[in-house]
């Protein structure tokens, strides 16, 4: 996937951290990278976010995707993506 993927993931990690979530870039043995996100107040609430290039030229270049592969948010707005992840991982009462 290249360095663009890593840079997008690192920017997302920073935004997630600013929202109080634990996040880090993980690289598998096959070389695939994703962000592992955990709510420190409810550690069972977690998600893996990937970043992939768009397959269609008229769409934005890179997308953050949920663990099941659905596009979540454009990678040129990591703050917006982090807000979505924080909302999904919020514990009741947070």
C-alpha atoms as a PDB file:
ATOM      1  CA  UNK A   1       0.000   0.000   0.000  1.00  0.00           C
ATOM      2  CA  UNK A   2       2.915   2.334   0.451  1.00  0.00           C
ATOM      3  CA  UNK A   3       3.758   5.300   2.615  1.00  0.00           C
ATOM      4  CA  UNK A   4       0.501   7.175   1.880  1.00  0.00           C
ATOM      5  CA  UNK A   5      -1.370   4.470   3.754  1.00  0.00           C
ATOM      6  CA  UNK A   6       0.948   4.764   6.782  1.00  0.00           C
ATOM      7  CA  UNK A   7       0.746   8.573   6.860  1.00  0.00           C
ATOM      8  CA  UNK A   8      -3.056   8.502   6.746  1.00  0.00           C
ATOM      9  CA  UNK A   9      -3.124   5.933   9.546  1.00  0.00           C
ATOM     10  CA  UNK A  10      -0.691   7.955  11.686  1.00  0.00           C
ATOM     11  CA  UNK A  11      -2.839  11.078  11.313  1.00  0.00           C
ATOM     12  CA  UNK A  12      -5.878   9.060  12.399  1.00  0.00           C
ATOM     13  CA  UNK A  13      -3.976   7.752  15.452  1.00  0.00           C
ATOM     14  CA  UNK A  14      -3.219  11.341  16.519  1.00  0.00           C
ATOM     15  CA  UNK A  15      -6.867  12.377  16.167  1.00  0.00           C
ATOM     16  CA  UNK A  16      -8.118   9.329  18.058  1.00  0.00           C
ATOM     17  CA  UNK A  17      -5.633  10.006  20.871  1.00  0.00           C
ATOM     18  CA  UNK A  18      -6.909  13.587  21.128  1.00  0.00           C
ATOM     19  CA  UNK A  19     -10.360  12.082  21.771  1.00  0.00           C
ATOM     20  CA  UNK A  20      -9.079   9.914  24.638  1.00  0.00           C
ATOM     21  CA  UNK A  21      -8.948   6.633  22.727  1.00  0.00           C
ATOM     22  CA  UNK A  22      -5.959   4.297  22.672  1.00  0.00           C
ATOM     23  CA  UNK A  23      -4.795   3.829  19.098  1.00  0.00           C
ATOM     24  CA  UNK A  24      -1.745   2.550  17.269  1.00  0.00           C
ATOM     25  CA  UNK A  25      -0.751   1.417  13.820  1.00  0.00           C
ATOM     26  CA  UNK A  26      -0.329  -2.346  13.599  1.00  0.00           C
ATOM     27  CA  UNK A  27       1.440  -4.105  10.739  1.00  0.00           C
ATOM     28  CA  UNK A  28       0.720  -7.771  10.115  1.00  0.00           C
ATOM     29  CA  UNK A  29       3.357 -10.246   8.960  1.00  0.00           C
ATOM     30  CA  UNK A  30       1.924  -9.944   5.451  1.00  0.00           C
ATOM     31  CA  UNK A  31       2.590  -6.194   5.547  1.00  0.00           C
ATOM     32  CA  UNK A  32      -1.032  -5.060   5.836  1.00  0.00           C
ATOM     33  CA  UNK A  33      -1.439  -2.059   8.146  1.00  0.00           C
ATOM     34  CA  UNK A  34      -4.420  -0.959  10.210  1.00  0.00           C
ATOM     35  CA  UNK A  35      -5.200   1.158  13.260  1.00  0.00           C
ATOM     36  CA  UNK A  36      -6.200  -0.756  16.383  1.00  0.00           C
ATOM     37  CA  UNK A  37      -8.483   1.467  18.488  1.00  0.00           C
ATOM     38  CA  UNK A  38      -9.606   0.745  22.043  1.00  0.00           C
ATOM     39  CA  UNK A  39     -11.798   2.725  24.423  1.00  0.00           C
ATOM     40  CA  UNK A  40      -9.697   2.739  27.641  1.00  0.00           C
ATOM     41  CA  UNK A  41     -12.864   3.169  29.743  1.00  0.00           C
ATOM     42  CA  UNK A  42     -14.471   0.062  28.223  1.00  0.00           C
ATOM     43  CA  UNK A  43     -11.738  -2.128  26.721  1.00  0.00           C
ATOM     44  CA  UNK A  44     -14.243  -4.507  25.132  1.00  0.00           C
ATOM     45  CA  UNK A  45     -15.137  -1.623  22.798  1.00  0.00           C
ATOM     46  CA  UNK A  46     -12.556  -1.769  20.020  1.00  0.00           C
ATOM     47  CA  UNK A  47     -12.242  -1.488  16.267  1.00  0.00           C
ATOM     48  CA  UNK A  48      -9.673  -2.002  13.521  1.00  0.00           C
ATOM     49  CA  UNK A  49      -9.624   0.743  10.884  1.00  0.00           C
ATOM     50  CA  UNK A  50      -7.906   0.306   7.530  1.00  0.00           C
ATOM     51  CA  UNK A  51      -7.059   2.853   4.856  1.00  0.00           C
ATOM     52  CA  UNK A  52      -7.413   1.980   1.196  1.00  0.00           C
ATOM     53  CA  UNK A  53      -7.093   3.754  -2.117  1.00  0.00           C
ATOM     54  CA  UNK A  54     -10.299   4.347  -4.047  1.00  0.00           C
ATOM     55  CA  UNK A  55     -10.905   1.991  -6.945  1.00  0.00           C
ATOM     56  CA  UNK A  56     -12.815   4.600  -8.935  1.00  0.00           C
ATOM     57  CA  UNK A  57     -11.025   7.701 -10.222  1.00  0.00           C
ATOM     58  CA  UNK A  58     -13.850  10.165  -9.546  1.00  0.00           C
ATOM     59  CA  UNK A  59     -13.808   9.389  -5.817  1.00  0.00           C
ATOM     60  CA  UNK A  60     -11.373  10.808  -3.231  1.00  0.00           C
ATOM     61  CA  UNK A  61      -7.994   9.073  -3.354  1.00  0.00           C
ATOM     62  CA  UNK A  62      -7.954   7.308   0.036  1.00  0.00           C
ATOM     63  CA  UNK A  63     -10.650   6.101   2.420  1.00  0.00           C
ATOM     64  CA  UNK A  64     -10.709   4.964   6.047  1.00  0.00           C
ATOM     65  CA  UNK A  65     -12.688   1.733   6.275  1.00  0.00           C
ATOM     66  CA  UNK A  66     -14.358  -0.170   9.102  1.00  0.00           C
ATOM     67  CA  UNK A  67     -13.059  -3.645   9.930  1.00  0.00           C
ATOM     68  CA  UNK A  68     -15.759  -5.270   7.777  1.00  0.00           C
ATOM     69  CA  UNK A  69     -14.577  -3.286   4.726  1.00  0.00           C
ATOM     70  CA  UNK A  70     -17.278  -0.607   4.471  1.00  0.00           C
ATOM     71  CA  UNK A  71     -15.974   2.881   3.682  1.00  0.00           C
ATOM     72  CA  UNK A  72     -16.233   5.137   6.706  1.00  0.00           C
ATOM     73  CA  UNK A  73     -14.716   8.508   5.799  1.00  0.00           C
ATOM     74  CA  UNK A  74     -12.295  10.136   3.380  1.00  0.00           C
ATOM     75  CA  UNK A  75      -8.681   9.985   4.529  1.00  0.00           C
ATOM     76  CA  UNK A  76      -8.153  13.686   3.850  1.00  0.00           C
ATOM     77  CA  UNK A  77     -10.243  14.368   6.987  1.00  0.00           C
ATOM     78  CA  UNK A  78      -8.808  12.260   9.835  1.00  0.00           C
ATOM     79  CA  UNK A  79     -10.609  14.415  12.425  1.00  0.00           C
ATOM     80  CA  UNK A  80     -13.976  13.542  10.897  1.00  0.00           C
ATOM     81  CA  UNK A  81     -13.079   9.852  10.819  1.00  0.00           C
ATOM     82  CA  UNK A  82     -11.909   9.953  14.439  1.00  0.00           C
ATOM     83  CA  UNK A  83     -15.200  11.556  15.484  1.00  0.00           C
ATOM     84  CA  UNK A  84     -17.116   8.681  13.864  1.00  0.00           C
ATOM     85  CA  UNK A  85     -14.940   6.030  15.533  1.00  0.00           C
ATOM     86  CA  UNK A  86     -15.210   7.771  18.925  1.00  0.00           C
ATOM     87  CA  UNK A  87     -19.001   7.833  18.599  1.00  0.00           C
ATOM     88  CA  UNK A  88     -19.136   4.108  17.801  1.00  0.00           C
ATOM     89  CA  UNK A  89     -16.761   3.171  20.633  1.00  0.00           C
ATOM     90  CA  UNK A  90     -18.358   5.393  23.283  1.00  0.00           C
ATOM     91  CA  UNK A  91     -19.472   3.557  26.400  1.00  0.00           C
ATOM     92  CA  UNK A  92     -22.948   4.220  27.744  1.00  0.00           C
ATOM     93  CA  UNK A  93     -22.785   7.347  29.874  1.00  0.00           C
ATOM     94  CA  UNK A  94     -19.592   8.730  28.290  1.00  0.00           C
END
